[in-house]
Amino acid sequence: IPVVDIEELAETIKNYDYIVADMKKSI
């Protein structure tokens, strides 16, 4: 999950579980 604008970091942390729910979890 790239966060280039640091002002988006708080929202990304808050919604982390929702964001990662359907993402590939390993390489």
mmCIF file of all heavy atoms, coordinates in Angstrom:
data_MODEL
# 
_entry.id   MODEL 
# 
loop_
_atom_site.group_PDB 
_atom_site.id 
_atom_site.type_symbol 
_atom_site.label_atom_id 
_atom_site.label_alt_id 
_atom_site.label_comp_id 
_atom_site.label_asym_id 
_atom_site.label_entity_id 
_atom_site.label_seq_id 
_atom_site.pdbx_PDB_ins_code 
_atom_site.Cartn_x 
_atom_site.Cartn_y 
_atom_site.Cartn_z 
_atom_site.occupancy 
_atom_site.B_iso_or_equiv 
_atom_site.pdbx_formal_charge 
_atom_site.auth_seq_id 
_atom_site.auth_comp_id 
_atom_site.auth_asym_id 
_atom_site.auth_atom_id 
_atom_site.pdbx_PDB_model_num 
ATOM 1   N N   . ILE A 1 1  ? 0.862   -1.182  0.000  1.00 0.00 ? 1  ILE A N   1 
ATOM 2   C CA  . ILE A 1 1  ? 0.000   0.000   0.000  1.00 0.00 ? 1  ILE A CA  1 
ATOM 3   C C   . ILE A 1 1  ? 0.899   1.232   0.000  1.00 0.00 ? 1  ILE A C   1 
ATOM 4   O O   . ILE A 1 1  ? 1.412   1.630   1.051  1.00 0.00 ? 1  ILE A O   1 
ATOM 5   C CB  . ILE A 1 1  ? -0.914  0.027   1.240  1.00 0.00 ? 1  ILE A CB  1 
ATOM 6   C CG1 . ILE A 1 1  ? -1.722  -1.267  1.345  1.00 0.00 ? 1  ILE A CG1 1 
ATOM 7   C CG2 . ILE A 1 1  ? -1.822  1.250   1.208  1.00 0.00 ? 1  ILE A CG2 1 
ATOM 8   C CD1 . ILE A 1 1  ? -2.379  -1.470  2.701  1.00 0.00 ? 1  ILE A CD1 1 
ATOM 9   N N   . PRO A 1 2  ? 1.127   1.831   -1.158 1.00 0.00 ? 2  PRO A N   1 
ATOM 10  C CA  . PRO A 1 2  ? 1.977   3.029   -1.182 1.00 0.00 ? 2  PRO A CA  1 
ATOM 11  C C   . PRO A 1 2  ? 1.199   4.255   -0.705 1.00 0.00 ? 2  PRO A C   1 
ATOM 12  O O   . PRO A 1 2  ? 0.037   4.433   -1.065 1.00 0.00 ? 2  PRO A O   1 
ATOM 13  C CB  . PRO A 1 2  ? 2.365   3.156   -2.659 1.00 0.00 ? 2  PRO A CB  1 
ATOM 14  C CG  . PRO A 1 2  ? 1.277   2.470   -3.402 1.00 0.00 ? 2  PRO A CG  1 
ATOM 15  C CD  . PRO A 1 2  ? 0.710   1.423   -2.493 1.00 0.00 ? 2  PRO A CD  1 
ATOM 16  N N   . VAL A 1 3  ? 1.841   5.057   0.124  1.00 0.00 ? 3  VAL A N   1 
ATOM 17  C CA  . VAL A 1 3  ? 1.257   6.313   0.604  1.00 0.00 ? 3  VAL A CA  1 
ATOM 18  C C   . VAL A 1 3  ? 2.278   7.407   0.309  1.00 0.00 ? 3  VAL A C   1 
ATOM 19  O O   . VAL A 1 3  ? 3.224   7.608   1.070  1.00 0.00 ? 3  VAL A O   1 
ATOM 20  C CB  . VAL A 1 3  ? 0.915   6.251   2.111  1.00 0.00 ? 3  VAL A CB  1 
ATOM 21  C CG1 . VAL A 1 3  ? 0.418   7.596   2.613  1.00 0.00 ? 3  VAL A CG1 1 
ATOM 22  C CG2 . VAL A 1 3  ? -0.103  5.151   2.381  1.00 0.00 ? 3  VAL A CG2 1 
ATOM 23  N N   . VAL A 1 4  ? 2.093   8.096   -0.811 1.00 0.00 ? 4  VAL A N   1 
ATOM 24  C CA  . VAL A 1 4  ? 3.027   9.141   -1.221 1.00 0.00 ? 4  VAL A CA  1 
ATOM 25  C C   . VAL A 1 4  ? 2.711   10.443  -0.490 1.00 0.00 ? 4  VAL A C   1 
ATOM 26  O O   . VAL A 1 4  ? 3.610   11.158  -0.063 1.00 0.00 ? 4  VAL A O   1 
ATOM 27  C CB  . VAL A 1 4  ? 2.991   9.328   -2.757 1.00 0.00 ? 4  VAL A CB  1 
ATOM 28  C CG1 . VAL A 1 4  ? 3.889   10.478  -3.184 1.00 0.00 ? 4  VAL A CG1 1 
ATOM 29  C CG2 . VAL A 1 4  ? 3.416   8.035   -3.450 1.00 0.00 ? 4  VAL A CG2 1 
ATOM 30  N N   . ASP A 1 5  ? 1.425   10.751  -0.312 1.00 0.00 ? 5  ASP A N   1 
ATOM 31  C CA  . ASP A 1 5  ? 0.997   11.940  0.421  1.00 0.00 ? 5  ASP A CA  1 
ATOM 32  C C   . ASP A 1 5  ? 0.773   11.544  1.871  1.00 0.00 ? 5  ASP A C   1 
ATOM 33  O O   . ASP A 1 5  ? -0.174  10.830  2.204  1.00 0.00 ? 5  ASP A O   1 
ATOM 34  C CB  . ASP A 1 5  ? -0.297  12.491  -0.188 1.00 0.00 ? 5  ASP A CB  1 
ATOM 35  C CG  . ASP A 1 5  ? -0.816  13.730  0.520  1.00 0.00 ? 5  ASP A CG  1 
ATOM 36  O OD1 . ASP A 1 5  ? -0.268  14.125  1.575  1.00 0.00 ? 5  ASP A OD1 1 
ATOM 37  O OD2 . ASP A 1 5  ? -1.810  14.303  0.024  1.00 0.00 ? 5  ASP A OD2 1 
ATOM 38  N N   . ILE A 1 6  ? 1.656   11.982  2.746  1.00 0.00 ? 6  ILE A N   1 
ATOM 39  C CA  . ILE A 1 6  ? 1.613   11.549  4.144  1.00 0.00 ? 6  ILE A CA  1 
ATOM 40  C C   . ILE A 1 6  ? 0.290   11.912  4.829  1.00 0.00 ? 6  ILE A C   1 
ATOM 41  O O   . ILE A 1 6  ? -0.104  11.276  5.799  1.00 0.00 ? 6  ILE A O   1 
ATOM 42  C CB  . ILE A 1 6  ? 2.833   12.075  4.931  1.00 0.00 ? 6  ILE A CB  1 
ATOM 43  C CG1 . ILE A 1 6  ? 3.069   11.193  6.155  1.00 0.00 ? 6  ILE A CG1 1 
ATOM 44  C CG2 . ILE A 1 6  ? 2.662   13.540  5.314  1.00 0.00 ? 6  ILE A CG2 1 
ATOM 45  C CD1 . ILE A 1 6  ? 4.449   11.230  6.697  1.00 0.00 ? 6  ILE A CD1 1 
ATOM 46  N N   . GLU A 1 7  ? -0.416  12.903  4.300  1.00 0.00 ? 7  GLU A N   1 
ATOM 47  C CA  . GLU A 1 7  ? -1.715  13.271  4.873  1.00 0.00 ? 7  GLU A CA  1 
ATOM 48  C C   . GLU A 1 7  ? -2.746  12.152  4.714  1.00 0.00 ? 7  GLU A C   1 
ATOM 49  O O   . GLU A 1 7  ? -3.775  12.160  5.384  1.00 0.00 ? 7  GLU A O   1 
ATOM 50  C CB  . GLU A 1 7  ? -2.230  14.566  4.242  1.00 0.00 ? 7  GLU A CB  1 
ATOM 51  C CG  . GLU A 1 7  ? -1.371  15.787  4.559  1.00 0.00 ? 7  GLU A CG  1 
ATOM 52  C CD  . GLU A 1 7  ? -1.285  16.097  6.056  1.00 0.00 ? 7  GLU A CD  1 
ATOM 53  O OE1 . GLU A 1 7  ? -2.299  15.947  6.777  1.00 0.00 ? 7  GLU A OE1 1 
ATOM 54  O OE2 . GLU A 1 7  ? -0.189  16.478  6.514  1.00 0.00 ? 7  GLU A OE2 1 
ATOM 55  N N   . GLU A 1 8  ? -2.466  11.184  3.849  1.00 0.00 ? 8  GLU A N   1 
ATOM 56  C CA  . GLU A 1 8  ? -3.364  10.038  3.659  1.00 0.00 ? 8  GLU A CA  1 
ATOM 57  C C   . GLU A 1 8  ? -3.036  8.872   4.598  1.00 0.00 ? 8  GLU A C   1 
ATOM 58  O O   . GLU A 1 8  ? -3.760  7.874   4.641  1.00 0.00 ? 8  GLU A O   1 
ATOM 59  C CB  . GLU A 1 8  ? -3.290  9.556   2.208  1.00 0.00 ? 8  GLU A CB  1 
ATOM 60  C CG  . GLU A 1 8  ? -3.767  10.588  1.205  1.00 0.00 ? 8  GLU A CG  1 
ATOM 61  C CD  . GLU A 1 8  ? -3.556  10.164  -0.238 1.00 0.00 ? 8  GLU A CD  1 
ATOM 62  O OE1 . GLU A 1 8  ? -3.113  9.014   -0.480 1.00 0.00 ? 8  GLU A OE1 1 
ATOM 63  O OE2 . GLU A 1 8  ? -3.826  10.984  -1.122 1.00 0.00 ? 8  GLU A OE2 1 
ATOM 64  N N   . LEU A 1 9  ? -1.963  8.997   5.362  1.00 0.00 ? 9  LEU A N   1 
ATOM 65  C CA  . LEU A 1 9  ? -1.506  7.887   6.196  1.00 0.00 ? 9  LEU A CA  1 
ATOM 66  C C   . LEU A 1 9  ? -2.485  7.560   7.326  1.00 0.00 ? 9  LEU A C   1 
ATOM 67  O O   . LEU A 1 9  ? -2.763  6.378   7.573  1.00 0.00 ? 9  LEU A O   1 
ATOM 68  C CB  . LEU A 1 9  ? -0.110  8.180   6.762  1.00 0.00 ? 9  LEU A CB  1 
ATOM 69  C CG  . LEU A 1 9  ? 0.554   7.055   7.546  1.00 0.00 ? 9  LEU A CG  1 
ATOM 70  C CD1 . LEU A 1 9  ? 0.621   5.770   6.735  1.00 0.00 ? 9  LEU A CD1 1 
ATOM 71  C CD2 . LEU A 1 9  ? 1.947   7.489   7.995  1.00 0.00 ? 9  LEU A CD2 1 
ATOM 72  N N   . ALA A 1 10 ? -3.032  8.550   7.990  1.00 0.00 ? 10 ALA A N   1 
ATOM 73  C CA  . ALA A 1 10 ? -3.958  8.286   9.101  1.00 0.00 ? 10 ALA A CA  1 
ATOM 74  C C   . ALA A 1 10 ? -5.170  7.490   8.625  1.00 0.00 ? 10 ALA A C   1 
ATOM 75  O O   . ALA A 1 10 ? -5.578  6.511   9.266  1.00 0.00 ? 10 ALA A O   1 
ATOM 76  C CB  . ALA A 1 10 ? -4.407  9.599   9.746  1.00 0.00 ? 10 ALA A CB  1 
ATOM 77  N N   . GLU A 1 11 ? -5.725  7.879   7.500  1.00 0.00 ? 11 GLU A N   1 
ATOM 78  C CA  . GLU A 1 11 ? -6.888  7.187   6.941  1.00 0.00 ? 11 GLU A CA  1 
ATOM 79  C C   . GLU A 1 11 ? -6.518  5.766   6.498  1.00 0.00 ? 11 GLU A C   1 
ATOM 80  O O   . GLU A 1 11 ? -7.305  4.830   6.657  1.00 0.00 ? 11 GLU A O   1 
ATOM 81  C CB  . GLU A 1 11 ? -7.456  7.999   5.770  1.00 0.00 ? 11 GLU A CB  1 
ATOM 82  C CG  . GLU A 1 11 ? -8.882  7.684   5.427  1.00 0.00 ? 11 GLU A CG  1 
ATOM 83  C CD  . GLU A 1 11 ? -9.887  8.034   6.528  1.00 0.00 ? 11 GLU A CD  1 
ATOM 84  O OE1 . GLU A 1 11 ? -9.626  8.918   7.377  1.00 0.00 ? 11 GLU A OE1 1 
ATOM 85  O OE2 . GLU A 1 11 ? -10.959 7.411   6.537  1.00 0.00 ? 11 GLU A OE2 1 
ATOM 86  N N   . THR A 1 12 ? -5.320  5.603   5.959  1.00 0.00 ? 12 THR A N   1 
ATOM 87  C CA  . THR A 1 12 ? -4.857  4.284   5.534  1.00 0.00 ? 12 THR A CA  1 
ATOM 88  C C   . THR A 1 12 ? -4.709  3.359   6.740  1.00 0.00 ? 12 THR A C   1 
ATOM 89  O O   . THR A 1 12 ? -5.122  2.197   6.691  1.00 0.00 ? 12 THR A O   1 
ATOM 90  C CB  . THR A 1 12 ? -3.521  4.399   4.768  1.00 0.00 ? 12 THR A CB  1 
ATOM 91  O OG1 . THR A 1 12 ? -3.712  5.278   3.654  1.00 0.00 ? 12 THR A OG1 1 
ATOM 92  C CG2 . THR A 1 12 ? -3.045  3.047   4.272  1.00 0.00 ? 12 THR A CG2 1 
ATOM 93  N N   . ILE A 1 13 ? -4.160  3.871   7.824  1.00 0.00 ? 13 ILE A N   1 
ATOM 94  C CA  . ILE A 1 13 ? -4.020  3.068   9.047  1.00 0.00 ? 13 ILE A CA  1 
ATOM 95  C C   . ILE A 1 13 ? -5.415  2.719   9.591  1.00 0.00 ? 13 ILE A C   1 
ATOM 96  O O   . ILE A 1 13 ? -5.677  1.568   9.941  1.00 0.00 ? 13 ILE A O   1 
ATOM 97  C CB  . ILE A 1 13 ? -3.186  3.812   10.109 1.00 0.00 ? 13 ILE A CB  1 
ATOM 98  C CG1 . ILE A 1 13 ? -1.734  3.941   9.634  1.00 0.00 ? 13 ILE A CG1 1 
ATOM 99  C CG2 . ILE A 1 13 ? -3.255  3.100   11.460 1.00 0.00 ? 13 ILE A CG2 1 
ATOM 100 C CD1 . ILE A 1 13 ? -0.888  4.906   10.464 1.00 0.00 ? 13 ILE A CD1 1 
ATOM 101 N N   . LYS A 1 14 ? -6.286  3.684   9.638  1.00 0.00 ? 14 LYS A N   1 
ATOM 102 C CA  . LYS A 1 14 ? -7.643  3.476   10.155 1.00 0.00 ? 14 LYS A CA  1 
ATOM 103 C C   . LYS A 1 14 ? -8.380  2.394   9.367  1.00 0.00 ? 14 LYS A C   1 
ATOM 104 O O   . LYS A 1 14 ? -9.086  1.568   9.933  1.00 0.00 ? 14 LYS A O   1 
ATOM 105 C CB  . LYS A 1 14 ? -8.416  4.799   10.096 1.00 0.00 ? 14 LYS A CB  1 
ATOM 106 C CG  . LYS A 1 14 ? -9.839  4.713   10.580 1.00 0.00 ? 14 LYS A CG  1 
ATOM 107 C CD  . LYS A 1 14 ? -10.524 6.060   10.456 1.00 0.00 ? 14 LYS A CD  1 
ATOM 108 C CE  . LYS A 1 14 ? -11.993 5.939   10.747 1.00 0.00 ? 14 LYS A CE  1 
ATOM 109 N NZ  . LYS A 1 14 ? -12.696 7.204   10.470 1.00 0.00 ? 14 LYS A NZ  1 
ATOM 110 N N   . ASN A 1 15 ? -8.208  2.390   8.050  1.00 0.00 ? 15 ASN A N   1 
ATOM 111 C CA  . ASN A 1 15 ? -8.923  1.456   7.174  1.00 0.00 ? 15 ASN A CA  1 
ATOM 112 C C   . ASN A 1 15 ? -8.080  0.264   6.733  1.00 0.00 ? 15 ASN A C   1 
ATOM 113 O O   . ASN A 1 15 ? -8.453  -0.441  5.797  1.00 0.00 ? 15 ASN A O   1 
ATOM 114 C CB  . ASN A 1 15 ? -9.438  2.211   5.934  1.00 0.00 ? 15 ASN A CB  1 
ATOM 115 C CG  . ASN A 1 15 ? -10.465 3.238   6.318  1.00 0.00 ? 15 ASN A CG  1 
ATOM 116 O OD1 . ASN A 1 15 ? -11.381 2.960   7.077  1.00 0.00 ? 15 ASN A OD1 1 
ATOM 117 N ND2 . ASN A 1 15 ? -10.294 4.449   5.804  1.00 0.00 ? 15 ASN A ND2 1 
ATOM 118 N N   . TYR A 1 16 ? -6.965  0.046   7.394  1.00 0.00 ? 16 TYR A N   1 
ATOM 119 C CA  . TYR A 1 16 ? -6.012  -0.988  6.976  1.00 0.00 ? 16 TYR A CA  1 
ATOM 120 C C   . TYR A 1 16 ? -6.670  -2.356  6.764  1.00 0.00 ? 16 TYR A C   1 
ATOM 121 O O   . TYR A 1 16 ? -6.486  -2.975  5.715  1.00 0.00 ? 16 TYR A O   1 
ATOM 122 C CB  . TYR A 1 16 ? -4.866  -1.092  7.990  1.00 0.00 ? 16 TYR A CB  1 
ATOM 123 C CG  . TYR A 1 16 ? -3.860  -2.151  7.632  1.00 0.00 ? 16 TYR A CG  1 
ATOM 124 C CD1 . TYR A 1 16 ? -2.872  -1.893  6.695  1.00 0.00 ? 16 TYR A CD1 1 
ATOM 125 C CD2 . TYR A 1 16 ? -3.911  -3.418  8.220  1.00 0.00 ? 16 TYR A CD2 1 
ATOM 126 C CE1 . TYR A 1 16 ? -1.940  -2.872  6.348  1.00 0.00 ? 16 TYR A CE1 1 
ATOM 127 C CE2 . TYR A 1 16 ? -2.985  -4.393  7.880  1.00 0.00 ? 16 TYR A CE2 1 
ATOM 128 C CZ  . TYR A 1 16 ? -2.013  -4.115  6.943  1.00 0.00 ? 16 TYR A CZ  1 
ATOM 129 O OH  . TYR A 1 16 ? -1.100  -5.084  6.603  1.00 0.00 ? 16 TYR A OH  1 
ATOM 130 N N   . ASP A 1 17 ? -7.416  -2.827  7.744  1.00 0.00 ? 17 ASP A N   1 
ATOM 131 C CA  . ASP A 1 17 ? -7.997  -4.172  7.641  1.00 0.00 ? 17 ASP A CA  1 
ATOM 132 C C   . ASP A 1 17 ? -8.934  -4.283  6.436  1.00 0.00 ? 17 ASP A C   1 
ATOM 133 O O   . ASP A 1 17 ? -8.949  -5.310  5.754  1.00 0.00 ? 17 ASP A O   1 
ATOM 134 C CB  . ASP A 1 17 ? -8.727  -4.548  8.929  1.00 0.00 ? 17 ASP A CB  1 
ATOM 135 C CG  . ASP A 1 17 ? -7.768  -4.705  10.102 1.00 0.00 ? 17 ASP A CG  1 
ATOM 136 O OD1 . ASP A 1 17 ? -6.618  -5.129  9.884  1.00 0.00 ? 17 ASP A OD1 1 
ATOM 137 O OD2 . ASP A 1 17 ? -8.167  -4.402  11.242 1.00 0.00 ? 17 ASP A OD2 1 
ATOM 138 N N   . TYR A 1 18 ? -9.675  -3.252  6.169  1.00 0.00 ? 18 TYR A N   1 
ATOM 139 C CA  . TYR A 1 18 ? -10.576 -3.237  5.016  1.00 0.00 ? 18 TYR A CA  1 
ATOM 140 C C   . TYR A 1 18 ? -9.770  -3.214  3.708  1.00 0.00 ? 18 TYR A C   1 
ATOM 141 O O   . TYR A 1 18 ? -10.081 -3.943  2.766  1.00 0.00 ? 18 TYR A O   1 
ATOM 142 C CB  . TYR A 1 18 ? -11.499 -2.014  5.091  1.00 0.00 ? 18 TYR A CB  1 
ATOM 143 C CG  . TYR A 1 18 ? -12.388 -1.859  3.894  1.00 0.00 ? 18 TYR A CG  1 
ATOM 144 C CD1 . TYR A 1 18 ? -13.505 -2.663  3.710  1.00 0.00 ? 18 TYR A CD1 1 
ATOM 145 C CD2 . TYR A 1 18 ? -12.094 -0.907  2.922  1.00 0.00 ? 18 TYR A CD2 1 
ATOM 146 C CE1 . TYR A 1 18 ? -14.319 -2.524  2.592  1.00 0.00 ? 18 TYR A CE1 1 
ATOM 147 C CE2 . TYR A 1 18 ? -12.899 -0.756  1.794  1.00 0.00 ? 18 TYR A CE2 1 
ATOM 148 C CZ  . TYR A 1 18 ? -14.015 -1.572  1.640  1.00 0.00 ? 18 TYR A CZ  1 
ATOM 149 O OH  . TYR A 1 18 ? -14.797 -1.438  0.532  1.00 0.00 ? 18 TYR A OH  1 
ATOM 150 N N   . ILE A 1 19 ? -8.730  -2.399  3.656  1.00 0.00 ? 19 ILE A N   1 
ATOM 151 C CA  . ILE A 1 19 ? -7.900  -2.264  2.447  1.00 0.00 ? 19 ILE A CA  1 
ATOM 152 C C   . ILE A 1 19 ? -7.236  -3.586  2.084  1.00 0.00 ? 19 ILE A C   1 
ATOM 153 O O   . ILE A 1 19 ? -7.191  -3.976  0.920  1.00 0.00 ? 19 ILE A O   1 
ATOM 154 C CB  . ILE A 1 19 ? -6.833  -1.154  2.627  1.00 0.00 ? 19 ILE A CB  1 
ATOM 155 C CG1 . ILE A 1 19 ? -7.508  0.213   2.748  1.00 0.00 ? 19 ILE A CG1 1 
ATOM 156 C CG2 . ILE A 1 19 ? -5.833  -1.153  1.467  1.00 0.00 ? 19 ILE A CG2 1 
ATOM 157 C CD1 . ILE A 1 19 ? -6.576  1.319   3.228  1.00 0.00 ? 19 ILE A CD1 1 
ATOM 158 N N   . VAL A 1 20 ? -6.707  -4.296  3.079  1.00 0.00 ? 20 VAL A N   1 
ATOM 159 C CA  . VAL A 1 20 ? -5.940  -5.515  2.799  1.00 0.00 ? 20 VAL A CA  1 
ATOM 160 C C   . VAL A 1 20 ? -6.792  -6.766  2.631  1.00 0.00 ? 20 VAL A C   1 
ATOM 161 O O   . VAL A 1 20 ? -6.281  -7.811  2.232  1.00 0.00 ? 20 VAL A O   1 
ATOM 162 C CB  . VAL A 1 20 ? -4.860  -5.785  3.882  1.00 0.00 ? 20 VAL A CB  1 
ATOM 163 C CG1 . VAL A 1 20 ? -3.896  -4.616  3.980  1.00 0.00 ? 20 VAL A CG1 1 
ATOM 164 C CG2 . VAL A 1 20 ? -5.481  -6.119  5.220  1.00 0.00 ? 20 VAL A CG2 1 
ATOM 165 N N   . ALA A 1 21 ? -8.075  -6.668  2.895  1.00 0.00 ? 21 ALA A N   1 
ATOM 166 C CA  . ALA A 1 21 ? -8.949  -7.849  2.887  1.00 0.00 ? 21 ALA A CA  1 
ATOM 167 C C   . ALA A 1 21 ? -8.824  -8.681  1.610  1.00 0.00 ? 21 ALA A C   1 
ATOM 168 O O   . ALA A 1 21 ? -8.810  -9.911  1.671  1.00 0.00 ? 21 ALA A O   1 
ATOM 169 C CB  . ALA A 1 21 ? -10.391 -7.432  3.127  1.00 0.00 ? 21 ALA A CB  1 
ATOM 170 N N   . ASP A 1 22 ? -8.730  -8.039  0.461  1.00 0.00 ? 22 ASP A N   1 
ATOM 171 C CA  . ASP A 1 22 ? -8.673  -8.779  -0.804 1.00 0.00 ? 22 ASP A CA  1 
ATOM 172 C C   . ASP A 1 22 ? -7.318  -8.701  -1.500 1.00 0.00 ? 22 ASP A C   1 
ATOM 173 O O   . ASP A 1 22 ? -7.211  -9.041  -2.674 1.00 0.00 ? 22 ASP A O   1 
ATOM 174 C CB  . ASP A 1 22 ? -9.756  -8.253  -1.756 1.00 0.00 ? 22 ASP A CB  1 
ATOM 175 C CG  . ASP A 1 22 ? -11.151 -8.529  -1.230 1.00 0.00 ? 22 ASP A CG  1 
ATOM 176 O OD1 . ASP A 1 22 ? -11.351 -9.601  -0.624 1.00 0.00 ? 22 ASP A OD1 1 
ATOM 177 O OD2 . ASP A 1 22 ? -12.042 -7.678  -1.410 1.00 0.00 ? 22 ASP A OD2 1 
ATOM 178 N N   . MET A 1 23 ? -6.297  -8.258  -0.784 1.00 0.00 ? 23 MET A N   1 
ATOM 179 C CA  . MET A 1 23 ? -4.979  -8.129  -1.404 1.00 0.00 ? 23 MET A CA  1 
ATOM 180 C C   . MET A 1 23 ? -4.165  -9.398  -1.246 1.00 0.00 ? 23 MET A C   1 
ATOM 181 O O   . MET A 1 23 ? -4.361  -10.174 -0.310 1.00 0.00 ? 23 MET A O   1 
ATOM 182 C CB  . MET A 1 23 ? -4.214  -6.952  -0.774 1.00 0.00 ? 23 MET A CB  1 
ATOM 183 C CG  . MET A 1 23 ? -4.810  -5.601  -1.092 1.00 0.00 ? 23 MET A CG  1 
ATOM 184 S SD  . MET A 1 23 ? -3.900  -4.251  -0.302 1.00 0.00 ? 23 MET A SD  1 
ATOM 185 C CE  . MET A 1 23 ? -2.403  -4.224  -1.295 1.00 0.00 ? 23 MET A CE  1 
ATOM 186 N N   . LYS A 1 24 ? -3.222  -9.583  -2.162 1.00 0.00 ? 24 LYS A N   1 
ATOM 187 C CA  . LYS A 1 24 ? -2.276  -10.698 -2.112 1.00 0.00 ? 24 LYS A CA  1 
ATOM 188 C C   . LYS A 1 24 ? -1.377  -10.507 -0.892 1.00 0.00 ? 24 LYS A C   1 
ATOM 189 O O   . LYS A 1 24 ? -0.765  -9.460  -0.738 1.00 0.00 ? 24 LYS A O   1 
ATOM 190 C CB  . LYS A 1 24 ? -1.459  -10.688 -3.406 1.00 0.00 ? 24 LYS A CB  1 
ATOM 191 C CG  . LYS A 1 24 ? -0.483  -11.803 -3.555 1.00 0.00 ? 24 LYS A CG  1 
ATOM 192 C CD  . LYS A 1 24 ? 0.209   -11.679 -4.912 1.00 0.00 ? 24 LYS A CD  1 
ATOM 193 C CE  . LYS A 1 24 ? 1.284   -12.702 -5.062 1.00 0.00 ? 24 LYS A CE  1 
ATOM 194 N NZ  . LYS A 1 24 ? 1.994   -12.542 -6.331 1.00 0.00 ? 24 LYS A NZ  1 
ATOM 195 N N   . LYS A 1 25 ? -1.282  -11.511 -0.044 1.00 0.00 ? 25 LYS A N   1 
ATOM 196 C CA  . LYS A 1 25 ? -0.597  -11.353 1.231  1.00 0.00 ? 25 LYS A CA  1 
ATOM 197 C C   . LYS A 1 25 ? 0.836   -11.883 1.275  1.00 0.00 ? 25 LYS A C   1 
ATOM 198 O O   . LYS A 1 25 ? 1.442   -11.913 2.324  1.00 0.00 ? 25 LYS A O   1 
ATOM 199 C CB  . LYS A 1 25 ? -1.416  -11.989 2.332  1.00 0.00 ? 25 LYS A CB  1 
ATOM 200 C CG  . LYS A 1 25 ? -2.713  -11.234 2.570  1.00 0.00 ? 25 LYS A CG  1 
ATOM 201 C CD  . LYS A 1 25 ? -3.447  -11.754 3.751  1.00 0.00 ? 25 LYS A CD  1 
ATOM 202 C CE  . LYS A 1 25 ? -4.665  -10.945 4.101  1.00 0.00 ? 25 LYS A CE  1 
ATOM 203 N NZ  . LYS A 1 25 ? -5.614  -10.697 3.079  1.00 0.00 ? 25 LYS A NZ  1 
ATOM 204 N N   . SER A 1 26 ? 1.371   -12.320 0.166  1.00 0.00 ? 26 SER A N   1 
ATOM 205 C CA  . SER A 1 26 ? 2.757   -12.789 0.190  1.00 0.00 ? 26 SER A CA  1 
ATOM 206 C C   . SER A 1 26 ? 3.336   -12.718 -1.213 1.00 0.00 ? 26 SER A C   1 
ATOM 207 O O   . SER A 1 26 ? 2.629   -12.445 -2.170 1.00 0.00 ? 26 SER A O   1 
ATOM 208 C CB  . SER A 1 26 ? 2.844   -14.220 0.722  1.00 0.00 ? 26 SER A CB  1 
ATOM 209 O OG  . SER A 1 26 ? 2.199   -15.107 -0.179 1.00 0.00 ? 26 SER A OG  1 
ATOM 210 N N   . ILE A 1 27 ? 4.609   -12.982 -1.285 1.00 0.00 ? 27 ILE A N   1 
ATOM 211 C CA  . ILE A 1 27 ? 5.271   -13.017 -2.589 1.00 0.00 ? 27 ILE A CA  1 
ATOM 212 C C   . ILE A 1 27 ? 5.882   -14.393 -2.776 1.00 0.00 ? 27 ILE A C   1 
ATOM 213 O O   . ILE A 1 27 ? 6.222   -15.069 -1.809 1.00 0.00 ? 27 ILE A O   1 
ATOM 214 C CB  . ILE A 1 27 ? 6.356   -11.930 -2.718 1.00 0.00 ? 27 ILE A CB  1 
ATOM 215 C CG1 . ILE A 1 27 ? 7.412   -12.070 -1.624 1.00 0.00 ? 27 ILE A CG1 1 
ATOM 216 C CG2 . ILE A 1 27 ? 5.741   -10.555 -2.707 1.00 0.00 ? 27 ILE A CG2 1 
ATOM 217 C CD1 . ILE A 1 27 ? 8.589   -11.141 -1.794 1.00 0.00 ? 27 ILE A CD1 1 
# 
